[in-house]
N, C-alpha and C. Protein backbone atom coordinates (compact mmCIF):
# COMPACT_ATOMS: atom_id res chain seq x y z
N MET A 1 64.08 49.00 275.96
CA MET A 1 65.20 49.76 275.52
C MET A 1 66.41 50.14 276.56
N ARG A 2 67.68 49.44 276.29
CA ARG A 2 68.63 50.22 277.38
C ARG A 2 70.13 51.03 276.65
N THR A 3 70.43 51.54 277.35
CA THR A 3 71.49 52.45 276.90
C THR A 3 72.97 51.86 277.95
N ASP A 4 73.77 51.34 277.29
CA ASP A 4 74.92 50.81 278.43
C ASP A 4 76.29 51.56 277.44
N ILE A 5 76.64 52.44 278.10
CA ILE A 5 77.66 52.84 277.46
C ILE A 5 79.07 53.01 278.39
N TYR A 6 80.13 52.34 277.92
CA TYR A 6 81.44 52.11 279.00
C TYR A 6 82.66 52.94 278.50
N ARG A 7 83.77 53.42 279.48
CA ARG A 7 84.52 53.54 278.93
C ARG A 7 85.89 52.76 279.28
N VAL A 8 86.34 51.70 278.27
CA VAL A 8 87.51 50.95 278.54
C VAL A 8 88.67 51.54 277.66
N LYS A 9 89.74 51.62 278.69
CA LYS A 9 91.20 52.31 278.12
C LYS A 9 90.65 53.51 277.33
N ASN A 10 91.09 53.27 275.82
CA ASN A 10 91.01 54.70 275.19
C ASN A 10 89.88 54.45 274.30
N SER A 11 88.68 53.61 274.78
CA SER A 11 87.63 53.44 273.82
C SER A 11 86.33 54.03 274.60
N TYR A 12 85.34 53.99 274.07
CA TYR A 12 83.77 53.97 274.60
C TYR A 12 83.25 52.73 273.80
N VAL A 13 82.52 52.18 274.41
CA VAL A 13 82.10 50.79 274.34
C VAL A 13 80.57 50.78 274.37
N ILE A 14 79.97 50.62 273.38
CA ILE A 14 78.27 50.69 273.73
C ILE A 14 77.90 49.03 273.65
N ALA A 15 77.18 48.60 274.75
CA ALA A 15 77.07 47.13 274.89
C ALA A 15 76.19 46.55 273.85
N SER A 16 76.46 45.60 273.80
CA SER A 16 75.58 44.71 272.86
C SER A 16 73.76 44.81 273.10
N ARG A 17 73.01 45.01 272.14
CA ARG A 17 71.52 45.23 272.07
C ARG A 17 71.47 46.44 272.74
N ALA A 18 72.24 47.40 272.96
CA ALA A 18 71.90 48.77 273.33
C ALA A 18 71.30 49.64 272.31
N PHE A 19 70.42 50.47 272.98
CA PHE A 19 69.82 51.34 272.02
C PHE A 19 70.14 53.01 272.38
N VAL A 20 70.84 53.48 271.62
CA VAL A 20 71.28 54.77 271.57
C VAL A 20 70.36 55.90 271.09
N GLU A 21 69.59 56.82 271.62
CA GLU A 21 68.38 57.56 270.99
C GLU A 21 69.01 58.65 270.02
N LYS A 22 70.24 59.21 270.54
CA LYS A 22 70.86 60.20 269.75
C LYS A 22 72.20 59.86 269.32
N GLY A 23 72.84 60.29 268.74
CA GLY A 23 74.07 60.05 268.03
C GLY A 23 75.33 59.97 269.06
N LEU A 24 76.35 59.23 268.69
CA LEU A 24 77.56 59.34 269.12
C LEU A 24 78.77 60.16 268.81
N ARG A 25 79.61 60.65 269.61
CA ARG A 25 80.48 61.52 269.40
C ARG A 25 81.53 61.76 270.52
N SER A 26 82.96 61.47 269.99
CA SER A 26 84.21 61.47 270.75
C SER A 26 85.09 62.10 270.20
N ALA A 27 85.83 63.06 270.85
CA ALA A 27 86.84 63.89 270.20
C ALA A 27 88.27 63.49 270.60
N ASP A 28 88.24 62.28 271.40
CA ASP A 28 89.72 61.70 271.78
C ASP A 28 89.75 60.32 272.05
N ARG A 29 88.44 59.38 271.65
CA ARG A 29 88.30 57.73 271.95
C ARG A 29 88.31 57.40 270.90
N ASP A 30 88.30 55.93 270.58
CA ASP A 30 87.59 55.21 269.63
C ASP A 30 86.26 54.95 270.14
N ILE A 31 85.59 54.25 269.17
CA ILE A 31 84.06 53.98 269.60
C ILE A 31 83.71 52.55 269.28
N THR A 32 83.47 51.84 269.93
CA THR A 32 82.95 50.30 269.83
C THR A 32 81.65 50.20 269.75
N VAL A 33 80.61 49.85 268.66
CA VAL A 33 79.49 49.69 268.81
C VAL A 33 79.09 48.25 269.02
N GLY A 34 78.43 47.59 269.93
CA GLY A 34 78.19 46.13 270.10
C GLY A 34 77.35 45.62 269.28
N MET A 35 77.51 44.15 269.39
CA MET A 35 76.61 43.51 268.33
C MET A 35 75.16 43.44 268.72
N ARG A 36 74.29 43.92 267.57
CA ARG A 36 72.85 44.25 267.48
C ARG A 36 72.48 45.57 268.27
N ALA A 37 73.43 46.38 268.46
CA ALA A 37 72.97 47.79 269.01
C ALA A 37 72.62 48.77 268.00
N ARG A 38 71.55 49.46 268.43
CA ARG A 38 71.19 50.51 267.33
C ARG A 38 71.22 51.70 267.83
N ILE A 39 71.92 52.75 266.82
CA ILE A 39 72.33 54.36 267.03
C ILE A 39 71.56 54.82 266.08
N MET A 40 70.44 55.84 266.83
CA MET A 40 69.46 56.68 266.11
C MET A 40 70.58 58.08 265.89
N GLY A 41 71.54 57.97 264.98
CA GLY A 41 72.25 59.36 264.66
C GLY A 41 73.30 59.01 264.06
N HIS A 42 74.37 59.79 263.81
CA HIS A 42 75.57 59.70 263.41
C HIS A 42 76.52 59.49 264.53
N VAL A 43 77.72 58.68 264.38
CA VAL A 43 78.70 58.11 265.19
C VAL A 43 79.85 58.72 264.55
N GLU A 44 80.70 59.62 265.36
CA GLU A 44 81.59 60.56 264.98
C GLU A 44 82.78 60.33 266.10
N SER A 45 83.86 60.20 265.43
CA SER A 45 85.05 59.94 266.24
C SER A 45 86.51 60.35 265.73
N GLU A 46 87.31 61.28 266.28
CA GLU A 46 88.74 61.18 266.13
C GLU A 46 89.76 59.98 265.89
N GLY A 47 89.12 59.04 266.80
CA GLY A 47 89.64 57.81 266.53
C GLY A 47 89.38 56.68 265.71
N SER A 48 89.15 55.56 265.70
CA SER A 48 88.71 54.62 265.20
C SER A 48 87.45 54.62 265.49
N VAL A 49 86.28 53.68 264.53
CA VAL A 49 84.96 53.39 264.73
C VAL A 49 84.77 51.88 264.33
N TYR A 50 84.28 51.03 265.40
CA TYR A 50 84.07 49.58 265.08
C TYR A 50 82.49 49.50 265.39
N ILE A 51 81.64 48.79 264.14
CA ILE A 51 80.28 48.63 264.24
C ILE A 51 80.25 47.03 264.27
N GLY A 52 79.59 46.60 265.48
CA GLY A 52 79.61 45.42 265.80
C GLY A 52 78.58 44.59 264.57
N LYS A 53 78.50 43.00 264.79
CA LYS A 53 77.97 42.33 264.01
C LYS A 53 76.19 42.36 264.24
N GLY A 54 75.74 42.69 263.23
CA GLY A 54 73.98 43.07 263.18
C GLY A 54 73.77 44.52 263.53
N ALA A 55 74.44 45.36 264.09
CA ALA A 55 74.49 46.77 264.62
C ALA A 55 73.91 47.40 263.46
N GLN A 56 72.96 48.70 263.81
CA GLN A 56 72.44 49.38 263.16
C GLN A 56 72.84 50.83 263.44
N VAL A 57 73.19 51.40 262.43
CA VAL A 57 73.34 53.14 262.55
C VAL A 57 72.61 53.85 261.69
N HIS A 58 71.35 54.60 262.23
CA HIS A 58 70.87 55.26 261.52
C HIS A 58 71.24 56.73 261.33
N GLY A 59 72.35 56.74 260.60
CA GLY A 59 73.13 57.93 260.38
C GLY A 59 74.61 57.64 259.64
N ASP A 60 75.45 58.77 259.81
CA ASP A 60 76.59 58.82 259.10
C ASP A 60 77.49 57.98 260.02
N VAL A 61 78.70 57.27 259.53
CA VAL A 61 79.76 57.04 260.33
C VAL A 61 81.16 57.76 259.74
N GLU A 62 81.87 58.73 260.84
CA GLU A 62 82.69 59.34 260.47
C GLU A 62 84.11 59.27 261.53
N SER A 63 85.14 58.98 261.18
CA SER A 63 86.14 58.71 261.86
C SER A 63 87.60 59.32 261.27
N GLY A 64 88.33 59.70 262.31
CA GLY A 64 89.68 60.40 262.26
C GLY A 64 90.66 59.27 261.74
N PHE A 65 90.60 57.64 261.89
CA PHE A 65 91.11 56.92 261.84
C PHE A 65 90.42 55.85 260.72
N ASP A 66 90.39 54.48 261.28
CA ASP A 66 89.82 53.14 260.29
C ASP A 66 88.62 53.21 260.99
N VAL A 67 87.65 52.39 260.13
CA VAL A 67 86.25 51.87 260.17
C VAL A 67 86.10 50.45 259.90
N VAL A 68 85.22 49.89 260.89
CA VAL A 68 84.97 48.48 260.51
C VAL A 68 83.53 48.42 260.73
N ILE A 69 82.94 47.97 259.59
CA ILE A 69 81.54 47.73 259.54
C ILE A 69 81.45 45.94 259.85
N GLY A 70 81.07 45.45 260.86
CA GLY A 70 80.92 44.16 261.20
C GLY A 70 79.80 43.39 260.33
N PRO A 71 79.95 42.17 260.47
CA PRO A 71 78.94 41.47 259.60
C PRO A 71 77.61 41.59 259.99
N GLY A 72 76.86 41.59 258.67
CA GLY A 72 75.34 42.05 258.92
C GLY A 72 74.79 43.15 259.44
N ALA A 73 76.09 44.20 259.76
CA ALA A 73 75.83 45.48 260.18
C ALA A 73 75.03 46.30 259.03
N VAL A 74 74.49 47.70 259.42
CA VAL A 74 73.82 48.48 258.61
C VAL A 74 73.86 49.76 258.91
N VAL A 75 74.58 50.69 258.13
CA VAL A 75 74.52 52.05 258.15
C VAL A 75 73.74 52.53 257.25
N ASP A 76 72.71 53.34 257.71
CA ASP A 76 71.87 54.11 256.92
C ASP A 76 72.19 55.25 255.84
N GLY A 77 73.50 55.77 256.56
CA GLY A 77 74.10 56.83 255.83
C GLY A 77 75.30 56.63 255.15
N ALA A 78 76.37 57.68 255.27
CA ALA A 78 77.79 57.39 254.68
C ALA A 78 78.72 56.74 255.53
N VAL A 79 79.85 56.42 254.98
CA VAL A 79 80.89 56.13 255.89
C VAL A 79 82.05 56.91 255.42
N VAL A 80 82.94 57.89 256.34
CA VAL A 80 84.00 58.68 255.90
C VAL A 80 84.79 58.60 257.09
N ALA A 81 86.35 57.81 256.50
CA ALA A 81 87.70 57.89 257.37
C ALA A 81 88.89 58.45 256.64
N LYS A 82 89.39 58.85 257.85
CA LYS A 82 90.90 59.50 257.41
C LYS A 82 91.91 58.26 257.00
N GLY A 83 91.63 57.17 257.73
CA GLY A 83 92.26 55.86 257.34
C GLY A 83 91.64 54.81 256.41
N ASN A 84 91.67 53.61 256.59
CA ASN A 84 90.97 52.44 256.06
C ASN A 84 89.50 52.24 256.45
N VAL A 85 88.96 51.43 255.55
CA VAL A 85 87.58 51.20 255.96
C VAL A 85 87.21 49.81 255.63
N ARG A 86 86.97 48.71 256.22
CA ARG A 86 86.55 47.30 255.68
C ARG A 86 85.06 47.22 256.31
N ILE A 87 84.31 46.78 254.98
CA ILE A 87 83.08 46.32 255.22
C ILE A 87 83.11 44.75 255.29
N LEU A 88 82.52 44.27 256.25
CA LEU A 88 82.48 42.71 256.26
C LEU A 88 81.30 42.19 255.79
N ASP A 89 81.68 40.82 255.64
CA ASP A 89 80.39 39.95 255.19
C ASP A 89 78.93 40.30 255.54
N GLY A 90 78.39 40.76 254.23
CA GLY A 90 76.94 40.71 254.79
C GLY A 90 76.46 42.32 255.05
N ALA A 91 77.50 43.18 255.17
CA ALA A 91 76.96 44.37 255.71
C ALA A 91 76.65 45.37 254.78
N GLU A 92 75.88 46.69 254.96
CA GLU A 92 75.63 47.28 254.08
C GLU A 92 75.80 48.89 254.62
N VAL A 93 76.38 49.51 253.64
CA VAL A 93 76.59 50.92 253.67
C VAL A 93 75.48 51.55 252.69
N LYS A 94 74.30 52.35 253.33
CA LYS A 94 73.35 52.57 252.03
C LYS A 94 73.82 53.97 251.12
N ASN A 95 74.73 54.58 251.89
CA ASN A 95 75.21 55.60 250.99
C ASN A 95 76.73 55.49 250.60
N PHE A 96 77.60 56.28 250.50
CA PHE A 96 78.68 56.31 249.73
C PHE A 96 79.94 55.84 250.85
N VAL A 97 80.94 55.46 250.47
CA VAL A 97 82.23 55.13 251.60
C VAL A 97 83.07 55.91 250.78
N ARG A 98 83.98 56.75 251.72
CA ARG A 98 85.23 57.55 251.27
C ARG A 98 86.14 57.30 252.24
N ALA A 99 87.19 57.17 252.05
CA ALA A 99 88.67 56.76 252.95
C ALA A 99 89.87 57.39 251.89
N GLU A 100 90.52 57.63 253.25
CA GLU A 100 91.69 58.51 252.39
C GLU A 100 92.86 57.38 252.57
N GLY A 101 92.45 55.98 253.14
CA GLY A 101 93.54 55.08 252.88
C GLY A 101 92.78 53.80 251.92
N ASP A 102 92.89 52.63 252.34
CA ASP A 102 92.22 51.59 251.60
C ASP A 102 90.70 51.39 251.95
N VAL A 103 89.84 50.90 251.34
CA VAL A 103 88.68 50.43 251.09
C VAL A 103 88.73 48.75 250.75
N SER A 104 88.06 47.82 251.77
CA SER A 104 88.00 46.62 251.35
C SER A 104 86.53 46.05 251.70
N LEU A 105 85.84 45.58 250.75
CA LEU A 105 84.51 44.93 250.62
C LEU A 105 84.48 43.26 250.87
N HIS A 106 83.76 42.87 251.55
CA HIS A 106 83.91 41.63 251.88
C HIS A 106 82.87 40.66 251.23
N LYS A 107 82.52 39.37 251.24
CA LYS A 107 81.54 38.59 250.54
C LYS A 107 80.09 39.38 250.96
N SER A 108 79.26 39.39 250.09
CA SER A 108 77.88 40.09 249.89
C SER A 108 77.86 41.23 250.65
N SER A 109 78.53 42.14 250.91
CA SER A 109 78.44 43.61 251.36
C SER A 109 77.92 44.31 250.54
N LYS A 110 77.40 45.34 250.72
CA LYS A 110 76.77 46.11 249.93
C LYS A 110 76.88 47.65 250.03
N THR A 111 77.42 48.44 249.23
CA THR A 111 77.51 49.81 249.31
C THR A 111 77.06 50.72 248.05
N GLY A 112 77.11 51.96 248.18
CA GLY A 112 76.94 52.95 247.07
C GLY A 112 78.15 53.13 246.50
N GLU A 113 78.49 54.37 246.32
CA GLU A 113 79.90 54.61 245.46
C GLU A 113 80.96 54.55 246.62
N VAL A 114 81.97 54.34 246.01
CA VAL A 114 83.39 53.90 246.71
C VAL A 114 84.63 54.93 246.33
N ARG A 115 84.88 55.66 247.37
CA ARG A 115 86.12 56.47 246.81
C ARG A 115 87.26 56.66 247.71
N ALA A 116 88.49 56.02 247.34
CA ALA A 116 89.59 55.57 248.29
C ALA A 116 90.81 56.49 247.31
N ASP A 117 91.46 57.10 248.43
CA ASP A 117 93.05 57.41 247.89
C ASP A 117 93.85 56.35 247.68
N GLY A 118 93.68 55.30 248.60
CA GLY A 118 94.49 53.89 248.28
C GLY A 118 93.79 52.83 247.57
N ASP A 119 94.03 51.57 247.88
CA ASP A 119 93.59 50.64 247.17
C ASP A 119 92.15 49.92 247.45
N VAL A 120 91.28 49.45 246.47
CA VAL A 120 90.11 48.94 246.52
C VAL A 120 90.04 47.75 246.42
N THR A 121 89.70 46.92 247.28
CA THR A 121 89.54 45.24 247.23
C THR A 121 88.13 44.74 247.44
N ILE A 122 87.60 43.98 246.25
CA ILE A 122 86.38 43.38 246.60
C ILE A 122 86.27 41.89 246.45
N VAL A 123 85.90 41.58 247.36
CA VAL A 123 86.02 39.99 247.81
C VAL A 123 84.53 39.25 247.61
N GLY A 124 84.62 38.22 246.72
CA GLY A 124 83.31 37.24 246.80
C GLY A 124 81.91 37.97 246.68
N GLY A 125 81.50 38.54 245.64
CA GLY A 125 80.25 39.00 245.15
C GLY A 125 79.83 40.16 246.11
N ALA A 126 80.68 41.03 246.52
CA ALA A 126 80.20 42.12 247.03
C ALA A 126 79.50 43.09 246.16
N SER A 127 78.65 43.79 246.58
CA SER A 127 77.95 44.72 245.53
C SER A 127 78.04 46.29 245.88
N THR A 128 78.48 46.95 244.67
CA THR A 128 78.87 48.66 245.17
C THR A 128 78.53 49.26 243.63
N GLY A 129 78.35 50.52 243.90
CA GLY A 129 77.96 51.52 242.73
C GLY A 129 79.24 51.65 242.18
N SER A 130 79.70 52.91 241.68
CA SER A 130 81.00 53.26 241.17
C SER A 130 82.01 53.34 242.02
N ILE A 131 83.47 52.91 241.51
CA ILE A 131 84.64 52.69 242.30
C ILE A 131 85.39 53.65 241.84
N HIS A 132 86.02 54.78 242.61
CA HIS A 132 87.11 55.84 242.17
C HIS A 132 88.33 55.23 243.28
N SER A 133 89.52 54.87 242.69
CA SER A 133 90.51 54.55 243.27
C SER A 133 92.12 55.32 243.29
N GLY A 134 92.61 56.02 244.37
CA GLY A 134 93.79 56.23 243.95
C GLY A 134 95.00 55.41 243.81
N GLY A 135 94.48 54.12 243.90
CA GLY A 135 95.63 52.97 244.00
C GLY A 135 94.92 51.83 242.85
N ARG A 136 95.40 50.84 243.16
CA ARG A 136 94.81 49.58 242.44
C ARG A 136 93.36 49.23 242.94
N THR A 137 92.62 48.72 241.99
CA THR A 137 91.42 47.97 242.56
C THR A 137 91.38 46.45 241.98
N ARG A 138 91.15 45.83 242.79
CA ARG A 138 91.42 44.29 242.79
C ARG A 138 89.95 43.48 243.18
N LEU A 139 89.75 42.51 242.29
CA LEU A 139 88.46 41.64 242.56
C LEU A 139 88.93 40.28 242.81
N ILE A 140 88.71 39.91 243.94
CA ILE A 140 89.02 38.34 244.54
C ILE A 140 87.85 37.59 244.65
N GLU A 141 87.79 36.45 244.24
CA GLU A 141 86.71 35.62 243.96
C GLU A 141 86.96 34.79 245.35
N GLY A 142 85.68 34.32 245.96
CA GLY A 142 85.87 33.38 247.06
C GLY A 142 84.42 33.72 247.77
């Protein structure tokens, strides 16, 4: 098991296949979790959070801006963002999603309840619990 964390410009980057025994917290930078990395705890940032393809987060994801959950990634907790949330193909959020902006759920993604102050877009057979949208709710086949 390895933990490789790099500081790149205004981001902290967790290397692909890295293992982080405790959660991650950043008060001033974005956090990018590499492909197939495992985080054992919450991921919190005042910036944006990007969870890479096939990565696992065993906790919640909280962001002061946007959150992107990559294809096939799994978040065992909730996702909360002050911006937008995108859950990409085959990704899963096992608890709720809450965004002050828009939420988009892509092909085969799975979530619990979705609450957005903006629009909610569901693409190609995404699975979700109840949806509460402050804007429009759109279903796009594909």
